[in-house]
N, C-alpha and C. Protein backbone atom coordinates (compact mmCIF):
# COMPACT_ATOMS: atom_id res chain seq x y z
N PHE A 1 0.86 -1.13 -0.04
CA PHE A 1 -0.04 0.01 -0.04
C PHE A 1 0.78 1.22 0.06
N PRO A 2 0.49 2.16 -0.86
CA PRO A 2 1.44 3.38 -0.93
C PRO A 2 1.52 4.18 0.39
N GLN A 3 0.31 4.30 1.19
CA GLN A 3 0.32 5.07 2.42
C GLN A 3 1.35 4.33 3.37
N THR A 4 1.52 3.09 3.41
CA THR A 4 2.33 2.42 4.40
C THR A 4 3.75 2.63 3.79
N LEU A 5 3.94 2.54 2.56
CA LEU A 5 5.45 2.63 2.09
C LEU A 5 5.85 4.09 2.26
N ILE A 6 5.01 5.06 1.99
CA ILE A 6 5.41 6.46 2.21
C ILE A 6 5.64 6.74 3.58
N GLY A 7 4.86 6.17 4.46
CA GLY A 7 5.11 6.40 5.96
C GLY A 7 6.43 5.76 6.30
N GLY A 8 6.86 4.61 5.69
CA GLY A 8 8.24 4.01 5.93
C GLY A 8 9.20 4.90 5.43
N PHE A 9 9.06 5.66 4.31
CA PHE A 9 10.06 6.63 3.83
C PHE A 9 10.24 7.76 4.76
N ASP A 10 9.06 8.25 5.29
CA ASP A 10 9.22 9.36 6.33
C ASP A 10 10.08 9.00 7.53
N ILE A 11 9.89 7.67 7.99
CA ILE A 11 10.57 7.22 9.12
C ILE A 11 12.01 7.13 8.89
N ALA A 12 12.33 6.44 7.61
CA ALA A 12 13.71 6.34 7.27
C ALA A 12 14.45 7.59 7.03
N ALA A 13 13.74 8.61 6.47
CA ALA A 13 14.36 9.90 6.24
C ALA A 13 14.69 10.61 7.42
N ARG A 14 13.72 10.50 8.61
CA ARG A 14 13.99 11.05 9.88
C ARG A 14 15.16 10.40 10.67
N GLU A 15 15.26 9.03 10.53
CA GLU A 15 16.29 8.35 11.16
C GLU A 15 17.64 8.62 10.51
N LEU A 16 17.61 8.94 9.14
CA LEU A 16 18.89 9.28 8.56
C LEU A 16 19.30 10.70 8.83
N TYR A 17 18.21 11.55 9.01
CA TYR A 17 18.57 12.93 9.35
C TYR A 17 19.14 12.97 10.80
N LEU A 18 18.56 12.27 11.82
CA LEU A 18 19.02 12.22 13.15
C LEU A 18 20.37 11.61 13.23
N ASP A 19 20.61 10.57 12.36
CA ASP A 19 22.08 10.00 12.34
C ASP A 19 23.07 11.03 11.89
N GLN A 20 22.76 11.86 10.84
CA GLN A 20 23.53 12.84 10.45
C GLN A 20 23.78 13.94 11.46
N LEU A 21 22.70 14.26 12.06
CA LEU A 21 22.65 15.29 13.12
C LEU A 21 23.56 14.86 14.37
N SER A 22 23.49 13.62 14.73
CA SER A 22 24.26 13.06 15.88
C SER A 22 25.71 13.15 15.51
N GLN A 23 26.25 12.89 14.12
CA GLN A 23 27.55 12.91 13.84
C GLN A 23 27.98 14.47 13.76
N GLN A 24 27.19 15.27 13.40
CA GLN A 24 27.54 16.77 13.43
C GLN A 24 27.62 17.27 14.86
N ILE A 25 26.86 16.70 15.80
CA ILE A 25 26.94 17.13 17.25
C ILE A 25 28.12 16.76 17.78
N THR A 26 28.66 15.45 17.46
CA THR A 26 29.90 15.06 18.05
C THR A 26 31.14 15.80 17.45
N GLU A 27 31.04 16.19 16.25
CA GLU A 27 32.04 17.02 15.66
C GLU A 27 32.04 18.40 16.14
N GLN A 28 30.92 19.03 16.28
CA GLN A 28 30.85 20.50 16.80
C GLN A 28 30.54 20.63 18.26
N GLY A 29 29.98 19.69 18.90
CA GLY A 29 29.71 19.74 20.32
C GLY A 29 28.45 20.54 20.56
N GLU A 30 27.58 20.56 19.68
CA GLU A 30 26.19 21.42 19.89
C GLU A 30 25.28 20.52 20.61
N PRO A 31 24.31 21.09 21.33
CA PRO A 31 23.41 20.35 22.10
C PRO A 31 22.35 19.49 21.16
N ASP A 32 21.93 18.46 21.61
CA ASP A 32 21.04 17.54 20.82
C ASP A 32 19.49 18.12 21.05
N ASP A 33 18.98 18.72 19.97
CA ASP A 33 17.61 19.17 20.08
C ASP A 33 16.84 18.55 18.81
N ASP A 34 16.49 17.36 18.88
CA ASP A 34 15.66 16.73 17.90
C ASP A 34 14.19 16.57 18.20
N GLN A 35 13.76 17.32 19.22
CA GLN A 35 12.23 17.32 19.44
C GLN A 35 11.54 17.99 18.45
N GLY A 36 10.45 17.35 18.03
CA GLY A 36 9.44 18.03 17.11
C GLY A 36 9.95 18.04 15.50
N ILE A 37 11.06 17.23 15.24
CA ILE A 37 11.43 17.08 13.98
C ILE A 37 10.48 16.15 13.04
N ASN A 38 9.91 16.73 12.12
CA ASN A 38 8.99 16.01 11.37
C ASN A 38 9.30 16.16 9.82
N ILE A 39 9.77 15.04 9.25
CA ILE A 39 10.21 15.02 7.96
C ILE A 39 9.16 14.23 7.07
N THR A 40 8.78 14.77 5.97
CA THR A 40 7.56 14.17 5.20
C THR A 40 8.28 13.90 3.85
N VAL A 41 8.19 12.67 3.30
CA VAL A 41 8.57 12.41 1.97
C VAL A 41 7.42 12.41 1.12
N ARG A 42 7.58 13.06 -0.03
CA ARG A 42 6.47 13.02 -1.08
C ARG A 42 7.01 12.86 -2.39
N PRO A 43 6.90 11.62 -2.99
CA PRO A 43 7.45 11.35 -4.33
C PRO A 43 6.94 12.30 -5.49
N PHE A 44 7.71 12.54 -6.46
CA PHE A 44 7.21 13.22 -7.64
C PHE A 44 8.05 12.86 -8.72
N ASN A 45 7.73 13.35 -9.95
CA ASN A 45 8.36 13.06 -11.14
C ASN A 45 8.56 11.54 -11.43
N LEU A 46 7.47 10.75 -11.23
CA LEU A 46 7.38 9.33 -11.51
C LEU A 46 7.66 9.01 -12.95
N ARG A 47 8.28 8.06 -13.35
CA ARG A 47 8.65 7.69 -14.79
C ARG A 47 7.46 7.70 -15.66
N GLN A 48 6.36 7.10 -15.22
CA GLN A 48 5.21 6.82 -16.06
C GLN A 48 4.16 7.66 -15.66
N LEU A 49 3.55 8.39 -16.68
CA LEU A 49 2.33 9.24 -16.49
C LEU A 49 1.17 8.62 -17.04
N HIS A 50 0.08 8.65 -16.43
CA HIS A 50 -1.19 8.08 -17.01
C HIS A 50 -2.14 9.33 -17.24
N ASP A 51 -3.04 9.12 -18.23
CA ASP A 51 -4.12 10.05 -18.38
C ASP A 51 -5.30 9.62 -17.52
N ALA A 52 -5.86 10.62 -16.89
CA ALA A 52 -6.93 10.44 -15.94
C ALA A 52 -8.03 9.58 -16.55
N ARG A 53 -8.31 9.58 -17.75
CA ARG A 53 -9.39 8.77 -18.39
C ARG A 53 -8.98 7.30 -18.38
N LEU A 54 -7.68 7.03 -18.40
CA LEU A 54 -7.12 5.67 -18.55
C LEU A 54 -6.98 5.01 -17.17
N LEU A 55 -7.36 5.50 -16.14
CA LEU A 55 -7.19 4.88 -14.80
C LEU A 55 -8.26 3.75 -14.79
N ASP A 56 -7.73 2.63 -14.16
CA ASP A 56 -8.56 1.42 -14.03
C ASP A 56 -8.58 0.92 -12.59
N PRO A 57 -9.52 0.07 -12.20
CA PRO A 57 -9.60 -0.49 -10.86
C PRO A 57 -8.13 -1.07 -10.42
N GLU A 58 -7.34 -1.49 -11.44
CA GLU A 58 -5.96 -2.12 -11.10
C GLU A 58 -5.05 -1.02 -10.43
N HIS A 59 -5.32 0.27 -10.70
CA HIS A 59 -4.54 1.40 -10.20
C HIS A 59 -4.91 1.59 -8.63
N LEU A 60 -6.01 1.22 -8.11
CA LEU A 60 -6.47 1.45 -6.74
C LEU A 60 -5.40 0.87 -5.84
N GLU A 61 -5.06 1.67 -4.79
CA GLU A 61 -4.14 1.35 -3.81
C GLU A 61 -2.65 1.22 -4.24
N THR A 62 -2.43 1.87 -5.45
CA THR A 62 -0.96 1.97 -5.97
C THR A 62 -0.73 3.42 -6.21
N LEU A 63 0.59 3.68 -6.21
CA LEU A 63 1.03 5.07 -6.49
C LEU A 63 1.14 5.28 -7.91
N VAL A 64 0.33 6.27 -8.53
CA VAL A 64 0.47 6.63 -9.94
C VAL A 64 0.57 8.09 -10.05
N ALA A 65 1.09 8.42 -11.12
CA ALA A 65 1.23 9.86 -11.54
C ALA A 65 0.33 10.07 -12.79
N ILE A 66 -0.57 11.15 -12.50
CA ILE A 66 -1.51 11.32 -13.67
C ILE A 66 -1.32 12.82 -14.11
N THR A 67 -1.72 12.91 -15.46
CA THR A 67 -1.73 14.24 -16.02
C THR A 67 -3.19 14.78 -15.90
N GLY A 68 -3.30 15.99 -15.61
CA GLY A 68 -4.71 16.55 -15.55
C GLY A 68 -4.61 18.02 -15.08
N MET A 69 -5.89 18.53 -14.85
CA MET A 69 -6.06 19.91 -14.48
C MET A 69 -6.90 19.95 -13.26
N VAL A 70 -6.34 20.57 -12.19
CA VAL A 70 -7.09 20.67 -10.99
C VAL A 70 -8.24 21.68 -11.18
N THR A 71 -9.47 21.14 -10.89
CA THR A 71 -10.69 22.02 -11.04
C THR A 71 -11.29 22.52 -9.75
N ARG A 72 -11.05 21.82 -8.64
CA ARG A 72 -11.54 22.30 -7.32
C ARG A 72 -10.75 21.60 -6.24
N THR A 73 -10.53 22.39 -5.16
CA THR A 73 -9.80 21.74 -4.04
C THR A 73 -10.69 22.19 -2.77
N SER A 74 -10.63 21.30 -1.80
CA SER A 74 -11.36 21.61 -0.61
C SER A 74 -10.37 22.32 0.46
N THR A 75 -10.95 22.70 1.60
CA THR A 75 -10.07 23.39 2.54
C THR A 75 -9.49 22.14 3.13
N ILE A 76 -8.36 22.42 3.91
CA ILE A 76 -7.54 21.40 4.49
C ILE A 76 -8.45 21.03 5.88
N ILE A 77 -8.76 19.69 6.00
CA ILE A 77 -9.65 19.11 6.99
C ILE A 77 -8.83 18.26 7.99
N PRO A 78 -9.03 18.22 9.10
CA PRO A 78 -8.35 17.16 9.98
C PRO A 78 -9.05 15.83 9.80
N GLU A 79 -8.04 14.80 9.78
CA GLU A 79 -8.47 13.45 9.70
C GLU A 79 -7.86 12.63 10.81
N LEU A 80 -8.72 11.94 11.62
CA LEU A 80 -8.31 11.26 12.84
C LEU A 80 -7.49 10.10 12.49
N GLN A 81 -6.36 10.12 13.14
CA GLN A 81 -5.29 8.94 12.99
C GLN A 81 -5.27 8.07 14.23
N THR A 82 -5.20 8.83 15.36
CA THR A 82 -5.34 7.94 16.66
C THR A 82 -6.33 8.60 17.58
N ALA A 83 -7.27 7.64 18.01
CA ALA A 83 -8.39 8.10 18.89
C ALA A 83 -7.87 7.81 20.42
N HIS A 84 -8.25 8.72 21.20
CA HIS A 84 -7.81 8.66 22.57
C HIS A 84 -9.20 8.50 23.41
N TYR A 85 -9.24 7.48 24.16
CA TYR A 85 -10.55 7.25 24.95
C TYR A 85 -10.11 7.16 26.44
N ARG A 86 -11.01 7.68 27.27
CA ARG A 86 -10.81 7.59 28.66
C ARG A 86 -12.14 7.06 29.25
N CYS A 87 -11.91 6.27 30.32
CA CYS A 87 -13.03 5.51 31.08
C CYS A 87 -13.64 6.55 32.02
N ASP A 88 -14.90 6.77 32.03
CA ASP A 88 -15.61 7.69 32.93
C ASP A 88 -15.61 7.29 34.38
N ILE A 89 -15.38 5.95 34.58
CA ILE A 89 -15.40 5.50 35.99
C ILE A 89 -14.05 5.45 36.50
N CYS A 90 -13.05 4.86 36.03
CA CYS A 90 -11.67 4.71 36.57
C CYS A 90 -10.62 5.59 35.97
N THR A 91 -11.05 6.36 35.07
CA THR A 91 -10.17 7.35 34.28
C THR A 91 -8.94 6.67 33.63
N ASN A 92 -9.11 5.41 33.23
CA ASN A 92 -8.08 4.69 32.48
C ASN A 92 -8.04 5.14 31.05
N THR A 93 -6.98 5.23 30.40
CA THR A 93 -7.04 5.78 28.96
C THR A 93 -6.45 4.75 27.98
N VAL A 94 -6.85 4.83 26.82
CA VAL A 94 -6.44 3.86 25.72
C VAL A 94 -6.42 4.72 24.41
N ASP A 95 -5.32 4.36 23.65
CA ASP A 95 -5.22 4.96 22.32
C ASP A 95 -5.48 3.87 21.25
N ILE A 96 -6.19 4.21 20.28
CA ILE A 96 -6.55 3.21 19.29
C ILE A 96 -6.22 3.86 17.88
N GLN A 97 -5.47 3.05 17.13
CA GLN A 97 -5.11 3.49 15.77
C GLN A 97 -6.31 3.50 14.82
N VAL A 98 -6.49 4.33 13.93
CA VAL A 98 -7.42 4.32 12.85
C VAL A 98 -6.92 3.49 11.64
N LEU A 99 -7.45 2.47 11.32
CA LEU A 99 -7.04 1.66 10.23
C LEU A 99 -7.95 1.77 8.99
N GLN A 100 -7.53 2.23 7.88
CA GLN A 100 -8.25 2.32 6.64
C GLN A 100 -9.65 3.02 6.89
N GLY A 101 -9.52 4.09 7.75
CA GLY A 101 -10.74 4.91 8.04
C GLY A 101 -11.73 4.37 9.04
N ARG A 102 -11.34 3.25 9.68
CA ARG A 102 -12.23 2.55 10.69
C ARG A 102 -11.63 2.63 12.12
N ILE A 103 -12.51 2.95 13.06
CA ILE A 103 -12.06 2.97 14.41
C ILE A 103 -12.78 1.85 15.24
N ASP A 104 -12.00 0.94 15.87
CA ASP A 104 -12.58 0.05 16.67
C ASP A 104 -12.84 0.51 18.07
N GLU A 105 -14.00 1.01 18.30
CA GLU A 105 -14.35 1.86 19.49
C GLU A 105 -14.39 0.65 20.71
N PRO A 106 -13.76 0.98 21.73
CA PRO A 106 -13.80 0.04 22.91
C PRO A 106 -15.20 -0.02 23.50
N THR A 107 -15.80 -1.15 23.72
CA THR A 107 -17.13 -1.24 24.28
C THR A 107 -16.97 -1.38 25.81
N SER A 108 -15.89 -1.75 26.31
CA SER A 108 -15.72 -1.77 27.76
C SER A 108 -14.27 -1.18 28.20
N CYS A 109 -14.11 -0.92 29.35
CA CYS A 109 -12.87 -0.42 29.93
C CYS A 109 -11.90 -1.62 29.96
N PRO A 110 -10.67 -1.45 29.49
CA PRO A 110 -9.63 -2.59 29.46
C PRO A 110 -9.07 -2.77 30.73
N ALA A 111 -9.17 -1.91 31.80
CA ALA A 111 -8.57 -2.05 33.09
C ALA A 111 -9.08 -3.23 33.78
N VAL A 112 -8.14 -3.94 34.46
CA VAL A 112 -8.48 -5.19 35.04
C VAL A 112 -9.53 -4.99 36.20
N GLY A 113 -9.22 -3.91 36.89
CA GLY A 113 -10.18 -3.67 38.12
C GLY A 113 -11.57 -3.00 37.79
N CYS A 114 -11.57 -2.65 36.50
CA CYS A 114 -12.92 -1.84 36.20
C CYS A 114 -13.91 -2.65 35.33
N ARG A 115 -13.44 -2.93 34.00
CA ARG A 115 -14.26 -3.67 32.98
C ARG A 115 -15.61 -3.11 32.83
N ALA A 116 -15.98 -1.83 33.12
CA ALA A 116 -17.25 -1.23 33.01
C ALA A 116 -17.64 -1.18 31.48
N LYS A 117 -18.86 -1.55 31.07
CA LYS A 117 -19.25 -1.55 29.77
C LYS A 117 -19.66 -0.16 29.40
N GLN A 118 -19.67 0.30 28.23
CA GLN A 118 -20.07 1.56 27.59
C GLN A 118 -19.52 2.79 28.44
N SER A 119 -18.39 2.70 29.03
CA SER A 119 -17.88 3.73 29.87
C SER A 119 -16.73 4.63 29.19
N MET A 120 -16.33 4.16 28.00
CA MET A 120 -15.20 4.82 27.38
C MET A 120 -15.67 6.06 26.57
N ARG A 121 -15.06 7.22 26.78
CA ARG A 121 -15.51 8.43 26.10
C ARG A 121 -14.35 8.89 25.26
N LEU A 122 -14.63 9.30 24.04
CA LEU A 122 -13.53 9.84 23.18
C LEU A 122 -13.17 11.19 23.65
N ILE A 123 -11.94 11.49 23.86
CA ILE A 123 -11.37 12.88 24.32
C ILE A 123 -10.76 13.45 23.03
N HIS A 124 -11.45 14.20 22.31
CA HIS A 124 -11.09 14.72 21.03
C HIS A 124 -9.88 15.64 21.00
N ASN A 125 -9.61 16.36 22.02
CA ASN A 125 -8.46 17.24 22.09
C ASN A 125 -7.24 16.48 22.28
N LEU A 126 -7.27 15.18 22.76
CA LEU A 126 -6.05 14.43 22.88
C LEU A 126 -5.81 13.46 21.91
N CYS A 127 -6.60 13.39 20.77
CA CYS A 127 -6.43 12.60 19.62
C CYS A 127 -5.36 13.13 18.67
N PHE A 128 -4.80 12.31 17.77
CA PHE A 128 -3.86 12.81 16.87
C PHE A 128 -4.62 12.84 15.56
N TYR A 129 -4.45 14.00 14.84
CA TYR A 129 -5.05 14.24 13.59
C TYR A 129 -4.01 14.62 12.51
N LYS A 130 -4.39 14.25 11.28
CA LYS A 130 -3.53 14.44 10.05
C LYS A 130 -4.18 15.46 9.10
N ASP A 131 -3.57 16.31 8.50
CA ASP A 131 -4.31 17.14 7.46
C ASP A 131 -4.64 16.34 6.32
N LYS A 132 -5.88 16.76 5.78
CA LYS A 132 -6.41 16.02 4.55
C LYS A 132 -6.91 17.11 3.57
N GLN A 133 -6.79 16.90 2.34
CA GLN A 133 -7.34 17.80 1.33
C GLN A 133 -7.99 16.97 0.27
N ILE A 134 -9.09 17.31 -0.22
CA ILE A 134 -9.73 16.67 -1.46
C ILE A 134 -9.45 17.52 -2.57
N VAL A 135 -8.87 16.94 -3.65
CA VAL A 135 -8.56 17.71 -4.85
C VAL A 135 -9.32 16.98 -5.96
N ARG A 136 -10.09 17.86 -6.80
CA ARG A 136 -10.92 17.28 -7.90
C ARG A 136 -10.03 17.56 -9.15
N ILE A 137 -9.72 16.47 -10.05
CA ILE A 137 -8.94 16.56 -11.04
C ILE A 137 -9.58 16.32 -12.42
N GLN A 138 -9.49 16.98 -13.38
CA GLN A 138 -10.15 16.76 -14.76
C GLN A 138 -9.10 16.55 -15.84
N GLU A 139 -9.32 15.67 -16.75
CA GLU A 139 -8.25 15.42 -17.75
C GLU A 139 -8.07 16.70 -18.56
N ASN A 140 -6.87 16.79 -19.15
CA ASN A 140 -6.43 17.93 -19.77
C ASN A 140 -7.23 17.99 -21.18
N PRO A 141 -7.79 19.21 -21.50
CA PRO A 141 -8.45 19.28 -22.81
C PRO A 141 -7.67 18.72 -24.14
N ASP A 142 -6.34 18.90 -23.87
CA ASP A 142 -5.57 18.44 -25.18
C ASP A 142 -5.55 17.00 -25.30
N SER A 143 -5.62 16.23 -24.29
CA SER A 143 -5.56 14.76 -24.39
C SER A 143 -6.97 14.14 -24.56
N MET A 144 -8.05 14.89 -24.58
CA MET A 144 -9.33 14.24 -24.78
C MET A 144 -9.69 13.95 -26.30
N PRO A 145 -10.37 12.88 -26.48
CA PRO A 145 -10.68 12.51 -27.98
C PRO A 145 -11.62 13.49 -28.31
N ASP A 146 -11.72 13.73 -29.72
CA ASP A 146 -12.82 14.72 -30.27
C ASP A 146 -14.15 14.26 -29.93
N GLY A 147 -15.01 15.33 -29.49
CA GLY A 147 -16.38 14.96 -29.12
C GLY A 147 -16.64 14.44 -27.81
N GLN A 148 -15.64 14.22 -26.96
CA GLN A 148 -15.83 13.71 -25.67
C GLN A 148 -15.81 14.84 -24.64
N THR A 149 -16.63 14.65 -23.58
CA THR A 149 -16.74 15.57 -22.55
C THR A 149 -15.66 15.26 -21.41
N PRO A 150 -15.14 16.21 -20.76
CA PRO A 150 -14.21 15.83 -19.63
C PRO A 150 -14.78 15.15 -18.50
């Protein structure tokens, strides 16, 4: 899956940066301040370009480069990545990863001494969100066959 692979690129780039930073610190004697370093890898200039009209179901969950014209973009919206739940009875907390847009909400408290049913509440300000934007793309007018609509 491209999302998993690109996430791995992000981690590898950050580790490489921190390795280079630690070498620089030992040479220059500067303090180590790697808190908050966030490196994001975004591939571009892929070798093969596809026309938007020629995309098929086989291209789902793959990384493809397409030619086209952006016709509309949404505002940047937060997308939940990690949900943070707290038990109303014992205040035990649990973090749950969102996998492919689905959250497995806890139906009972996982604490051994509690196990209360339907007591877990989502604490939205302690959840982790990622920015998301929806982009609508239309094929280039130059690449459309005669008489076809975009």
